[in-house]
Amino acid sequence: MHPKVLLDTCADLIAQTLTFQHPADATVARFFREHRQLGPRERHTLSDTVYAVLREKPRLQWWAKRAPAPADASAAPKPPKGTKPSPRPPHSARCLALLVWRDQQPDLLPAVATEAELTWLATCTAATWQAPDAPPDVRHLLPYWLAQPLQAQLGDGFAALAVAVNEPAPLDVRINPLKVKRPAVLQQLQQAGLEAQATPYSPWGVRLHGKPSLARLPLFTEGAIEVQDEGSQLLALLLDAKRNELVVDFCAGAGGKTLAIGAAMRNTGRLYAIDTSAHRLEGLQPRLQRAGLGNVHTLVIAHERDERLDRMHAKADRVLVDAPCSGLGTLRRSPDVKWRQSPQQVAELADLQGRILASAARLVKPGGRLVYATCSLLEQENEAVAQAFSLAHRDFEAVPVPELLQQAGLEPETAASLCQGDHLRLWPHLHGTDGFFAAVWRRKF
């Protein structure tokens, strides 16, 4: 593909993504389906450019405002015979693509940029966005409504967090202990030419460097490994499901934690994967087969108070509530989330989280364990929800997470470093994981 056509295609995809009508990964996937002529290298360039724009949107848009006027449309290469010319994408989207290519594809710039654009690109330096008159979001790349509470929470640590959440995440996988041990997985990955190492906290985790494709790797196709962030793996560690117990994954979603819990149960007992999305639970079935799990039972409910839950009232040994949340802890993977969420949506989610947690708690039997978790960074979805639950449910007592992590084999200092008070609190800039929160209770009576 001619570089100028590739630039226009890239700008078109950027413009579609920045409407935020759909999650970025869905928009990119749909665009690729509609443009099947794109090869692997072209798709890689387009995807990397879009995600770079999403991470650095305020800074790039600030620079783009100083861009020269659009070049004459007649200078664009003609489309192949028999095809209709595509509408030229917005000039601003072209400028955003050029800014990213300046860093990622500098060898293409002479073929696509005008002399005026090259001159402009040379002025877009760190010195300009670090200037005192630059808006705060140009420096930290977060919307004001999100930056403000995070600054209040972290103080001097906010700057490090802002850097960390705007860097791509590593690829973590979880071994399936039903089929393999971690040393063997590390050895096989290294033999396959992949750079891998054990994760520092999860006993099941392996961290891969780069962006290797795992789809055809025997370890993956045979169910020995599953893609899962180390922080997410620690939630299954906190639940600590045992053999022959009745366990509930109340908001199972795509089932990543269900798979980890089922393996921890050694494929015994009964594990219920519950969700309001039939489509997502259907997608779990082939993953269960690949993992060799037969103890999982899926249940689709209409809402958190569905009457079908009554038959499990006070019967579950353990219940995990990985509640629907803003997803702001996953910004390294989904940078569009910070632009798609709003304070109003977060407030609505916090209310929903409280209702879901209260409903799920009904399923825990006396002596049983309840775990509430989110992949959010905000206290509003985390500590505030946990505190409200504790005040309203005197039949539950909080269990200090540091103690549970020590029981799982972590050193006391390490366990304490993963927590804030009695709660699990994982931060990208401190722990190298996605942002996670977890609170744990035991039902007294």
Protein backbone atom coordinates (compact mmCIF):
# COMPACT_ATOMS: atom_id res chain seq x y z
CA MET A 1 0.00 0.00 0.00
CA HIS A 2 1.30 3.45 -0.91
CA PRO A 3 2.42 5.27 2.26
CA LYS A 4 0.07 8.19 1.55
CA VAL A 5 -2.89 5.81 1.21
CA LEU A 6 -1.81 4.10 4.42
CA LEU A 7 -1.71 7.48 6.18
CA ASP A 8 -5.22 8.34 4.98
CA THR A 9 -6.45 4.90 6.07
CA CYS A 10 -4.82 5.39 9.46
CA ALA A 11 -6.39 8.83 9.85
CA ASP A 12 -9.78 7.38 8.94
CA LEU A 13 -9.47 4.75 11.66
CA ILE A 14 -8.34 7.38 14.19
CA ALA A 15 -11.36 9.55 13.36
CA GLN A 16 -13.73 6.59 13.84
CA THR A 17 -12.11 5.58 17.13
CA LEU A 18 -12.26 9.10 18.57
CA THR A 19 -16.06 9.16 18.27
CA PHE A 20 -15.97 6.70 21.24
CA GLN A 21 -19.22 5.12 20.11
CA HIS A 22 -17.66 1.71 20.82
CA PRO A 23 -14.62 0.43 22.73
CA ALA A 24 -11.41 0.96 20.77
CA ASP A 25 -10.66 -2.74 20.35
CA ALA A 26 -14.12 -3.31 18.85
CA THR A 27 -13.74 -0.35 16.48
CA VAL A 28 -10.32 -1.55 15.31
CA ALA A 29 -11.56 -5.13 14.82
CA ARG A 30 -14.55 -3.96 12.78
CA PHE A 31 -12.32 -1.69 10.65
CA PHE A 32 -10.02 -4.61 9.85
CA ARG A 33 -12.99 -6.77 8.85
CA GLU A 34 -14.13 -4.03 6.49
CA HIS A 35 -10.61 -3.63 5.03
CA ARG A 36 -9.49 -7.19 4.42
CA GLN A 37 -6.88 -6.02 1.91
CA LEU A 38 -4.72 -4.79 4.79
CA GLY A 39 -1.71 -7.01 5.45
CA PRO A 40 -0.25 -7.94 8.86
CA ARG A 41 2.34 -5.13 8.82
CA GLU A 42 -0.27 -2.54 7.84
CA ARG A 43 -2.66 -3.72 10.56
CA HIS A 44 0.16 -3.58 13.09
CA THR A 45 0.97 0.01 12.06
CA LEU A 46 -2.68 1.09 12.21
CA SER A 47 -3.33 -0.54 15.59
CA ASP A 48 -0.17 0.85 17.19
CA THR A 49 -0.93 4.33 15.87
CA VAL A 50 -4.50 4.33 17.19
CA TYR A 51 -3.49 3.21 20.67
CA ALA A 52 -0.67 5.76 20.79
CA VAL A 53 -3.21 8.48 19.93
CA LEU A 54 -5.54 7.27 22.70
CA ARG A 55 -2.74 7.33 25.26
CA GLU A 56 -1.43 10.78 24.35
CA LYS A 57 -4.59 12.43 23.02
CA PRO A 58 -4.39 15.74 24.95
CA ARG A 59 -0.75 16.32 24.04
CA LEU A 60 -1.15 15.32 20.38
CA GLN A 61 -4.29 17.42 19.96
CA TRP A 62 -2.54 20.38 21.58
CA TRP A 63 0.26 20.09 19.03
CA ALA A 64 -2.20 19.47 16.17
CA LYS A 65 -3.85 22.84 16.77
CA ARG A 66 -0.62 24.41 15.52
CA ALA A 67 -0.49 22.32 12.35
CA PRO A 68 -0.37 23.95 8.90
CA ALA A 69 -3.43 24.09 6.66
CA PRO A 70 -4.35 20.88 4.79
CA ALA A 71 -2.39 20.15 1.64
CA ASP A 72 -4.12 20.27 -1.74
CA ALA A 73 -6.29 17.16 -2.09
CA SER A 74 -5.10 16.81 -5.68
CA ALA A 75 -1.69 15.77 -4.35
CA ALA A 76 -3.12 12.57 -2.92
CA PRO A 77 -2.43 9.36 -4.88
CA LYS A 78 -5.26 8.14 -7.08
CA PRO A 79 -7.13 5.03 -5.90
CA PRO A 80 -6.83 1.82 -7.95
CA LYS A 81 -9.07 1.54 -11.00
CA GLY A 82 -12.56 0.28 -10.29
CA THR A 83 -12.63 1.58 -6.70
CA LYS A 84 -14.33 4.66 -5.40
CA PRO A 85 -12.15 7.26 -3.71
CA SER A 86 -12.60 7.30 0.04
CA PRO A 87 -13.58 10.61 1.65
CA ARG A 88 -10.46 12.34 2.95
CA PRO A 89 -10.31 11.97 6.74
CA PRO A 90 -10.43 15.02 8.98
CA HIS A 91 -7.27 17.08 8.89
CA SER A 92 -6.88 16.78 12.67
CA ALA A 93 -6.82 12.96 12.44
CA ARG A 94 -4.09 13.17 9.79
CA CYS A 95 -2.05 15.42 12.08
CA LEU A 96 -2.44 12.99 14.98
CA ALA A 97 -1.22 10.14 12.78
CA LEU A 98 1.76 12.17 11.60
CA LEU A 99 2.75 12.96 15.19
CA VAL A 100 2.73 9.27 16.11
CA TRP A 101 4.56 8.26 12.95
CA ARG A 102 7.24 10.82 13.73
CA ASP A 103 8.21 8.58 16.65
CA GLN A 104 7.11 5.15 15.40
CA GLN A 105 7.55 5.33 11.59
CA PRO A 106 10.02 8.18 10.93
CA ASP A 107 11.25 6.57 7.70
CA LEU A 108 7.77 7.08 6.18
CA LEU A 109 7.54 10.82 6.88
CA PRO A 110 9.40 12.04 3.76
CA ALA A 111 6.96 10.08 1.59
CA VAL A 112 3.77 11.37 3.24
CA ALA A 113 4.35 14.77 4.87
CA THR A 114 4.54 18.13 3.12
CA GLU A 115 7.42 20.52 3.75
CA ALA A 116 5.12 22.62 5.94
CA GLU A 117 4.15 19.55 7.96
CA LEU A 118 7.77 18.50 8.41
CA THR A 119 8.59 21.98 9.70
CA TRP A 120 5.65 21.84 12.09
CA LEU A 121 6.59 18.36 13.34
CA ALA A 122 10.05 19.62 14.23
CA THR A 123 8.50 22.19 16.59
CA CYS A 124 6.48 19.56 18.48
CA THR A 125 9.02 18.78 21.19
CA ALA A 126 8.98 17.91 24.87
CA ALA A 127 10.03 21.47 25.65
CA THR A 128 6.69 22.76 24.36
CA TRP A 129 4.38 20.49 26.38
CA GLN A 130 6.55 20.84 29.48
CA ALA A 131 6.23 24.62 29.35
CA PRO A 132 4.44 26.30 32.30
CA ASP A 133 1.59 27.50 30.09
CA ALA A 134 0.74 23.96 28.88
CA PRO A 135 -2.57 22.65 30.29
CA PRO A 136 -2.19 20.00 33.02
CA ASP A 137 -3.72 17.23 30.91
CA VAL A 138 -1.06 17.83 28.25
CA ARG A 139 1.51 16.85 30.87
CA HIS A 140 -0.17 13.92 32.65
CA LEU A 141 -2.44 12.76 29.76
CA LEU A 142 -5.48 12.18 31.99
CA PRO A 143 -8.85 13.95 32.01
CA TYR A 144 -9.25 16.48 34.82
CA TRP A 145 -12.12 14.62 36.51
CA LEU A 146 -9.87 11.54 36.87
CA ALA A 147 -6.57 13.28 37.62
CA GLN A 148 -8.04 15.27 40.52
CA PRO A 149 -9.05 12.34 42.80
CA LEU A 150 -5.92 10.36 41.90
CA GLN A 151 -3.72 13.32 42.87
CA ALA A 152 -5.59 13.52 46.19
CA GLN A 153 -5.07 9.79 46.78
CA LEU A 154 -1.43 9.52 45.78
CA GLY A 155 0.11 12.93 46.39
CA ASP A 156 3.69 12.86 45.12
CA GLY A 157 3.12 9.40 43.64
CA PHE A 158 0.62 10.70 41.09
CA ALA A 159 3.30 11.63 38.53
CA ALA A 160 4.70 8.08 38.51
CA LEU A 161 1.20 6.62 38.12
CA ALA A 162 0.46 8.96 35.19
CA VAL A 163 3.58 7.71 33.43
CA ALA A 164 2.84 4.04 34.17
CA VAL A 165 -0.77 3.99 32.96
CA ASN A 166 0.31 5.54 29.65
CA GLU A 167 2.78 2.76 28.89
CA PRO A 168 1.76 -0.51 27.18
CA ALA A 169 1.21 -3.41 29.56
CA PRO A 170 3.30 -6.58 29.44
CA LEU A 171 1.67 -9.89 28.51
CA ASP A 172 0.96 -12.04 31.56
CA VAL A 173 -0.25 -15.62 31.41
CA ARG A 174 -1.44 -17.98 34.14
CA ILE A 175 -0.42 -21.60 34.16
CA ASN A 176 -3.08 -24.26 34.55
CA PRO A 177 -1.91 -26.29 37.56
CA LEU A 178 -4.14 -29.18 36.47
CA LYS A 179 -1.89 -29.71 33.48
CA VAL A 180 1.55 -28.22 34.06
CA LYS A 181 3.97 -26.64 36.52
CA ARG A 182 5.48 -23.19 36.11
CA PRO A 183 9.14 -24.25 35.64
CA ALA A 184 8.11 -26.51 32.77
CA VAL A 185 6.14 -23.68 31.15
CA LEU A 186 9.09 -21.31 31.43
CA GLN A 187 11.35 -23.89 29.84
CA GLN A 188 8.97 -24.55 26.94
CA LEU A 189 8.45 -20.85 26.29
CA GLN A 190 12.18 -20.25 26.21
CA GLN A 191 12.62 -23.20 23.85
CA ALA A 192 10.03 -21.56 21.59
CA GLY A 193 12.23 -18.47 21.46
CA LEU A 194 10.11 -16.37 23.82
CA GLU A 195 11.57 -14.31 26.65
CA ALA A 196 9.64 -15.16 29.81
CA GLN A 197 10.02 -14.99 33.57
CA ALA A 198 8.01 -15.86 36.66
CA THR A 199 5.80 -13.08 37.98
CA PRO A 200 6.89 -11.73 41.38
CA TYR A 201 3.62 -12.23 43.30
CA SER A 202 1.36 -14.85 41.75
CA PRO A 203 2.60 -18.45 42.05
CA TRP A 204 0.84 -19.22 38.74
CA GLY A 205 2.03 -16.24 36.69
CA VAL A 206 4.46 -15.93 33.79
CA ARG A 207 5.37 -12.60 32.19
CA LEU A 208 6.24 -12.52 28.48
CA HIS A 209 8.23 -9.75 26.85
CA GLY A 210 7.06 -8.11 23.65
CA LYS A 211 3.76 -9.01 22.00
CA PRO A 212 4.09 -12.67 20.99
CA SER A 213 1.11 -14.40 19.40
CA LEU A 214 0.02 -17.34 21.52
CA ALA A 215 -2.91 -18.61 19.43
CA ARG A 216 -0.94 -21.46 17.82
CA LEU A 217 1.39 -22.17 20.71
CA PRO A 218 0.85 -25.76 21.96
CA LEU A 219 0.89 -24.59 25.57
CA PHE A 220 -2.10 -22.37 24.78
CA THR A 221 -4.06 -24.65 22.46
CA GLU A 222 -3.72 -27.53 24.93
CA GLY A 223 -4.99 -25.44 27.86
CA ALA A 224 -1.74 -25.27 29.83
CA ILE A 225 -1.75 -21.45 29.93
CA GLU A 226 -4.33 -18.66 29.77
CA VAL A 227 -3.79 -14.93 29.27
CA GLN A 228 -4.46 -13.19 32.61
CA ASP A 229 -2.87 -10.18 34.31
CA GLU A 230 -0.98 -11.03 37.48
CA GLY A 231 -3.24 -8.77 39.53
CA SER A 232 -6.29 -10.69 38.39
CA GLN A 233 -4.60 -13.95 39.37
CA LEU A 234 -4.21 -12.68 42.93
CA LEU A 235 -7.99 -12.43 43.29
CA ALA A 236 -8.28 -16.20 42.88
CA LEU A 237 -5.46 -16.56 45.41
CA LEU A 238 -7.46 -14.48 47.93
CA LEU A 239 -10.62 -16.50 47.37
CA ASP A 240 -8.58 -19.65 48.15
CA ALA A 241 -11.24 -22.09 46.91
CA LYS A 242 -10.76 -25.65 48.16
CA ARG A 243 -11.55 -29.11 46.89
CA ASN A 244 -15.22 -30.17 46.96
CA GLU A 245 -16.53 -26.75 48.00
CA LEU A 246 -19.48 -24.86 46.56
CA VAL A 247 -18.03 -21.67 45.08
CA VAL A 248 -19.65 -18.79 43.18
CA ASP A 249 -18.04 -16.43 40.68
CA PHE A 250 -20.88 -13.90 40.82
CA CYS A 251 -19.84 -11.64 37.93
CA ALA A 252 -18.01 -14.19 35.82
CA GLY A 253 -17.96 -12.27 32.54
CA ALA A 254 -15.62 -13.96 30.07
CA GLY A 255 -14.51 -16.37 32.80
CA GLY A 256 -10.82 -15.65 33.30
CA LYS A 257 -11.11 -15.90 37.08
CA THR A 258 -13.54 -18.82 36.81
CA LEU A 259 -10.81 -20.83 35.09
CA ALA A 260 -8.30 -19.97 37.81
CA ILE A 261 -10.76 -20.85 40.59
CA GLY A 262 -11.75 -24.13 38.95
CA ALA A 263 -8.12 -25.18 38.68
CA ALA A 264 -7.51 -24.25 42.34
CA MET A 265 -10.44 -26.54 43.24
CA ARG A 266 -8.68 -29.33 41.32
CA ASN A 267 -11.77 -29.77 39.15
CA THR A 268 -13.86 -30.92 42.14
CA GLY A 269 -16.92 -29.54 43.92
CA ARG A 270 -19.32 -27.14 42.18
CA LEU A 271 -18.28 -23.78 40.77
CA TYR A 272 -21.04 -21.50 39.51
CA ALA A 273 -20.14 -18.92 36.88
CA ILE A 274 -22.93 -16.34 37.04
CA ASP A 275 -23.46 -13.35 34.79
CA THR A 276 -26.19 -11.30 33.12
CA SER A 277 -24.62 -11.82 29.67
CA ALA A 278 -25.50 -15.12 28.02
CA HIS A 279 -23.14 -14.30 25.16
CA ARG A 280 -20.11 -13.98 27.43
CA LEU A 281 -20.91 -17.17 29.32
CA GLU A 282 -21.31 -19.05 26.03
CA GLY A 283 -17.82 -17.91 25.10
CA LEU A 284 -16.54 -19.52 28.30
CA GLN A 285 -17.45 -23.06 27.18
CA PRO A 286 -14.55 -23.70 24.76
CA ARG A 287 -12.12 -22.28 27.31
CA LEU A 288 -13.44 -24.70 29.95
CA GLN A 289 -12.95 -27.62 27.58
CA ARG A 290 -9.42 -26.49 26.73
CA ALA A 291 -8.59 -26.15 30.44
CA GLY A 292 -10.02 -29.59 31.26
CA LEU A 293 -12.59 -28.26 33.74
CA GLY A 294 -15.84 -30.12 34.31
CA ASN A 295 -16.89 -28.68 37.66
CA VAL A 296 -18.17 -25.34 36.29
CA HIS A 297 -21.88 -24.63 35.92
CA THR A 298 -22.98 -21.46 34.16
CA LEU A 299 -26.05 -19.49 35.17
CA VAL A 300 -27.48 -16.50 33.31
CA ILE A 301 -29.45 -14.11 35.53
CA ALA A 302 -31.58 -11.10 34.67
CA HIS A 303 -30.22 -8.93 37.50
CA GLU A 304 -28.49 -9.22 40.86
CA ARG A 305 -31.79 -10.04 42.65
CA ASP A 306 -32.85 -12.80 40.26
CA GLU A 307 -35.05 -15.36 42.03
CA ARG A 308 -32.95 -18.22 40.64
CA LEU A 309 -30.28 -17.24 43.14
CA ASP A 310 -32.55 -18.09 46.08
CA ARG A 311 -31.72 -21.81 45.89
CA MET A 312 -28.10 -21.02 46.80
CA HIS A 313 -29.01 -18.80 49.77
CA ALA A 314 -26.42 -19.25 52.57
CA LYS A 315 -24.93 -22.35 50.89
CA ALA A 316 -21.73 -21.11 49.24
CA ASP A 317 -18.37 -21.67 50.90
CA ARG A 318 -16.85 -18.81 48.91
CA VAL A 319 -18.21 -16.03 46.69
CA LEU A 320 -16.19 -13.76 44.43
CA VAL A 321 -17.75 -10.47 43.31
CA ASP A 322 -15.50 -9.04 40.61
CA ALA A 323 -17.97 -6.22 40.09
CA PRO A 324 -18.67 -4.27 36.90
CA CYS A 325 -16.54 -1.15 37.19
CA SER A 326 -15.04 1.76 35.28
CA GLY A 327 -12.03 -0.33 34.26
CA LEU A 328 -9.68 2.55 35.02
CA GLY A 329 -7.11 0.13 36.36
CA THR A 330 -6.65 -1.28 32.85
CA LEU A 331 -5.57 1.95 31.13
CA ARG A 332 -2.32 0.37 29.97
CA ARG A 333 -4.37 -2.06 27.87
CA SER A 334 -7.46 0.04 27.17
CA PRO A 335 -6.41 3.71 27.05
CA ASP A 336 -9.76 4.71 25.54
CA VAL A 337 -11.45 4.00 28.90
CA LYS A 338 -10.25 7.29 30.37
CA TRP A 339 -12.00 9.16 27.55
CA ARG A 340 -15.15 7.01 27.49
CA GLN A 341 -15.91 7.13 31.23
CA SER A 342 -17.29 10.12 33.16
CA PRO A 343 -17.93 11.07 36.81
CA GLN A 344 -21.63 10.38 36.31
CA GLN A 345 -20.95 6.87 35.03
CA VAL A 346 -18.59 6.16 37.93
CA ALA A 347 -21.26 7.26 40.43
CA GLU A 348 -23.81 4.99 38.77
CA LEU A 349 -21.35 2.09 38.83
CA ALA A 350 -20.61 2.60 42.53
CA ASP A 351 -24.32 2.36 43.30
CA LEU A 352 -24.61 -0.81 41.21
CA GLN A 353 -21.53 -2.31 42.87
CA GLY A 354 -23.09 -1.85 46.29
CA ARG A 355 -26.31 -3.56 45.21
CA ILE A 356 -24.46 -6.49 43.60
CA LEU A 357 -22.23 -7.00 46.64
CA ALA A 358 -25.21 -7.02 49.01
CA SER A 359 -27.06 -9.53 46.85
CA ALA A 360 -24.06 -11.82 46.43
CA ALA A 361 -23.45 -11.79 50.19
CA ARG A 362 -26.78 -13.63 50.69
CA LEU A 363 -25.22 -16.72 49.09
CA VAL A 364 -22.37 -17.01 51.64
CA LYS A 365 -22.90 -19.55 54.39
CA PRO A 366 -21.81 -18.92 58.01
CA GLY A 367 -18.04 -19.23 58.14
CA GLY A 368 -17.81 -18.65 54.40
CA ARG A 369 -15.66 -16.09 52.59
CA LEU A 370 -16.76 -13.12 50.47
CA VAL A 371 -14.34 -11.27 48.18
CA TYR A 372 -15.22 -7.94 46.53
CA ALA A 373 -12.93 -6.73 43.75
CA THR A 374 -12.67 -4.16 40.97
CA CYS A 375 -10.10 -3.15 38.37
CA SER A 376 -10.64 0.51 39.23
CA LEU A 377 -8.22 3.04 40.72
CA LEU A 378 -10.88 5.18 42.40
CA GLU A 379 -11.80 5.09 46.08
CA GLN A 380 -15.41 5.73 45.10
CA GLU A 381 -15.63 2.25 43.57
CA ASN A 382 -13.36 0.56 46.09
CA GLU A 383 -12.92 1.58 49.73
CA ALA A 384 -16.20 3.51 49.79
CA VAL A 385 -18.21 0.50 48.59
CA ALA A 386 -16.42 -1.84 51.02
CA GLN A 387 -16.96 0.52 53.95
CA ALA A 388 -20.66 0.93 53.18
CA PHE A 389 -21.08 -2.85 53.02
CA SER A 390 -19.34 -3.38 56.37
CA LEU A 391 -21.53 -0.79 58.06
CA ALA A 392 -24.73 -2.33 56.67
CA HIS A 393 -23.86 -6.01 57.24
CA ARG A 394 -22.88 -6.71 60.83
CA ASP A 395 -23.05 -10.45 60.12
CA PHE A 396 -19.81 -10.10 58.17
CA GLU A 397 -16.39 -9.33 59.61
CA ALA A 398 -13.49 -7.97 57.56
CA VAL A 399 -10.52 -10.26 57.00
CA PRO A 400 -7.12 -8.54 56.66
CA VAL A 401 -5.77 -9.25 53.18
CA PRO A 402 -2.07 -9.16 54.27
CA GLU A 403 -2.73 -12.17 56.49
CA LEU A 404 -4.38 -14.07 53.64
CA LEU A 405 -1.48 -13.35 51.30
CA GLN A 406 0.99 -14.62 53.92
CA GLN A 407 -1.08 -17.78 54.29
CA ALA A 408 -0.82 -18.16 50.50
CA GLY A 409 2.98 -18.17 50.75
CA LEU A 410 4.03 -14.54 50.30
CA GLU A 411 6.64 -13.04 52.61
CA PRO A 412 5.19 -10.60 55.20
CA GLU A 413 6.98 -7.61 53.66
CA THR A 414 5.77 -8.53 50.17
CA ALA A 415 2.20 -9.08 51.35
CA ALA A 416 2.19 -5.70 53.11
CA SER A 417 3.52 -3.97 49.98
CA LEU A 418 0.49 -5.15 48.01
CA CYS A 419 -2.00 -3.75 50.49
CA GLN A 420 -3.39 -0.53 51.84
CA GLY A 421 -4.67 -1.23 55.33
CA ASP A 422 -6.74 -4.41 55.26
CA HIS A 423 -7.34 -4.25 51.50
CA LEU A 424 -5.47 -5.38 48.42
CA ARG A 425 -4.38 -2.27 46.46
CA LEU A 426 -2.39 -2.86 43.29
CA TRP A 427 -0.97 0.04 41.29
CA PRO A 428 0.70 -0.11 37.86
CA HIS A 429 3.56 2.17 38.92
CA LEU A 430 4.29 0.24 42.12
CA HIS A 431 3.54 -3.38 41.28
CA GLY A 432 3.72 -3.66 37.48
CA THR A 433 0.16 -5.02 37.34
CA ASP A 434 -3.15 -3.54 36.32
CA GLY A 435 -4.82 -1.50 39.03
CA PHE A 436 -6.83 -3.76 41.34
CA PHE A 437 -8.68 -3.52 44.63
CA ALA A 438 -10.02 -6.31 46.83
CA ALA A 439 -11.71 -6.51 50.22
CA VAL A 440 -12.46 -9.77 52.04
CA TRP A 441 -15.04 -10.71 54.68
CA ARG A 442 -16.03 -13.80 56.66
CA ARG A 443 -19.68 -14.42 57.47
CA LYS A 444 -20.09 -14.77 61.24
CA PHE A 445 -23.66 -16.07 61.44
